[in-house]
Amino acid sequence: MELYTPVLALVALATLFAVGSVAMSALVGPKRYNRARLDSYECGIEPTPQPVGGGRFPVKYYITAMLFIVFDIEIIFLYPWAVHFDAMAFFGLIEMVVFIATVFVAYAYVWRRGGLEWD
C-alpha cells in the first residue's frame, strides 16, 4: 500500500484543487447578469433565433464531429506503434502502412465528397 500513497495523495490534491476552484469562482466571482451575458454565444455572431421546441442541428455538424473522432482515434493508435517500433520490426511497419492507407482512403473519400468544406 505504501507504493500507492503518493498516487492517492496526488489524486486527493487534484480533486481538492478542482472542487475548490469551482467553489471559489462561484463564491468570489462577479454576479452581474444581464441579457447579453445570458444569451448563447456563437463565435462573436449574434445568436440566431431558435424554434420554441429547440432547433435541429444540420447533418454537417454531426459529420464533422464524427470525422474529428475518427482521425483522433487514428492518432491514438499511432502512439503505441511509435513506442514499440523496434520490437515489431518489419511486420509492425507493414501493419501500420496498411492502417494509415485505409484511413487515408477514407480521408480522400470525405475530401472528394466535400465533407471538409464548411459553409
Protein backbone atom coordinates (compact mmCIF):
# COMPACT_ATOMS: atom_id res chain seq x y z
CA MET A 1 0.00 0.00 0.00
CA GLU A 2 2.89 2.37 0.64
CA LEU A 3 3.71 2.40 -3.07
CA TYR A 4 0.28 3.87 -3.86
CA THR A 5 0.36 6.54 -1.15
CA PRO A 6 1.94 9.25 -3.35
CA VAL A 7 -0.52 8.49 -6.17
CA LEU A 8 -3.50 8.66 -3.82
CA ALA A 9 -2.16 11.89 -2.32
CA LEU A 10 -1.85 13.40 -5.81
CA VAL A 11 -5.40 12.33 -6.73
CA ALA A 12 -6.71 13.83 -3.49
CA LEU A 13 -4.83 17.06 -4.09
CA ALA A 14 -6.08 17.30 -7.69
CA THR A 15 -9.67 16.65 -6.58
CA LEU A 16 -9.40 19.23 -3.81
CA PHE A 17 -7.99 21.78 -6.26
CA ALA A 18 -10.73 21.14 -8.85
CA VAL A 19 -13.59 21.30 -6.36
CA GLY A 20 -12.02 24.28 -4.59
CA SER A 21 -11.58 26.21 -7.83
CA VAL A 22 -15.22 25.74 -8.83
CA ALA A 23 -16.45 26.64 -5.34
CA MET A 24 -14.24 29.73 -5.08
CA SER A 25 -15.27 31.03 -8.50
CA ALA A 26 -18.94 30.65 -7.52
CA LEU A 27 -18.36 32.45 -4.22
CA VAL A 28 -15.94 35.19 -5.23
CA GLY A 29 -16.80 35.74 -8.91
CA PRO A 30 -18.85 38.70 -10.13
CA LYS A 31 -22.59 38.25 -10.22
CA ARG A 32 -23.61 40.94 -12.71
CA TYR A 33 -26.05 39.21 -15.00
CA ASN A 34 -27.64 40.99 -17.93
CA ARG A 35 -29.44 39.93 -21.09
CA ALA A 36 -26.27 39.88 -23.20
CA ARG A 37 -24.37 37.66 -20.77
CA LEU A 38 -27.20 35.14 -20.52
CA ASP A 39 -27.51 34.79 -24.32
CA SER A 40 -25.79 31.88 -26.00
CA TYR A 41 -22.52 32.74 -27.71
CA GLU A 42 -21.86 31.74 -31.29
CA CYS A 43 -18.28 32.80 -32.08
CA GLY A 44 -18.97 36.53 -31.97
CA ILE A 45 -22.04 36.30 -34.19
CA GLU A 46 -25.46 37.28 -32.94
CA PRO A 47 -27.34 34.14 -31.93
CA THR A 48 -29.94 33.05 -34.43
CA PRO A 49 -33.46 32.66 -33.08
CA GLN A 50 -34.43 29.06 -32.35
CA PRO A 51 -37.89 27.50 -32.52
CA VAL A 52 -39.77 27.00 -29.25
CA GLY A 53 -39.10 23.25 -29.07
CA GLY A 54 -35.43 23.69 -29.90
CA GLY A 55 -33.81 23.59 -33.29
CA ARG A 56 -32.42 20.82 -35.39
CA PHE A 57 -28.70 20.78 -35.95
CA PRO A 58 -27.57 20.38 -39.54
CA VAL A 59 -26.19 16.97 -40.50
CA LYS A 60 -22.91 18.71 -41.43
CA TYR A 61 -22.33 19.35 -37.71
CA TYR A 62 -22.51 15.65 -36.84
CA ILE A 63 -20.40 14.58 -39.82
CA THR A 64 -17.65 17.00 -38.78
CA ALA A 65 -17.78 15.66 -35.22
CA MET A 66 -17.53 12.06 -36.42
CA LEU A 67 -14.60 12.90 -38.71
CA PHE A 68 -12.79 14.50 -35.81
CA ILE A 69 -13.30 11.39 -33.69
CA VAL A 70 -12.11 9.05 -36.46
CA PHE A 71 -8.89 10.94 -37.10
CA ASP A 72 -8.32 11.44 -33.37
CA ILE A 73 -8.56 7.69 -32.80
CA GLU A 74 -6.07 7.14 -35.61
CA ILE A 75 -3.52 9.22 -33.73
CA ILE A 76 -4.18 7.22 -30.55
CA PHE A 77 -3.28 4.03 -32.43
CA LEU A 78 -0.04 5.58 -33.69
CA TYR A 79 1.41 6.19 -30.20
CA PRO A 80 1.87 2.54 -29.11
CA TRP A 81 3.27 1.71 -32.53
CA ALA A 82 5.83 4.51 -32.26
CA VAL A 83 6.86 3.41 -28.77
CA HIS A 84 7.37 -0.26 -29.69
CA PHE A 85 8.55 0.20 -33.27
CA ASP A 86 11.85 -1.63 -32.65
CA ALA A 87 10.13 -4.68 -31.15
CA MET A 88 7.68 -5.09 -34.05
CA ALA A 89 10.30 -4.60 -36.80
CA PHE A 90 9.16 -5.03 -40.41
CA PHE A 91 5.81 -6.63 -39.53
CA GLY A 92 4.82 -3.58 -37.49
CA LEU A 93 5.80 -1.27 -40.32
CA ILE A 94 3.66 -3.16 -42.85
CA GLU A 95 0.69 -3.26 -40.48
CA MET A 96 0.89 0.48 -39.85
CA VAL A 97 1.20 1.26 -43.58
CA VAL A 98 -1.97 -0.78 -44.20
CA PHE A 99 -3.74 1.01 -41.34
CA ILE A 100 -2.72 4.50 -42.49
CA ALA A 101 -3.60 3.65 -46.11
CA THR A 102 -7.09 2.60 -45.00
CA VAL A 103 -7.58 5.82 -43.08
CA PHE A 104 -6.16 7.84 -45.98
CA VAL A 105 -8.68 6.27 -48.38
CA ALA A 106 -11.47 7.35 -46.03
CA TYR A 107 -9.93 10.83 -45.81
CA ALA A 108 -9.69 11.14 -49.61
CA TYR A 109 -13.31 10.00 -49.96
CA VAL A 110 -14.53 12.59 -47.46
CA TRP A 111 -12.42 15.30 -49.08
CA ARG A 112 -13.73 14.47 -52.55
CA ARG A 113 -17.34 14.48 -51.34
CA GLY A 114 -16.84 17.94 -49.77
CA GLY A 115 -17.13 16.81 -46.18
CA LEU A 116 -14.27 19.08 -45.08
CA GLU A 117 -15.80 22.26 -46.51
CA TRP A 118 -17.68 24.39 -44.01
CA ASP A 119 -20.34 26.75 -45.39
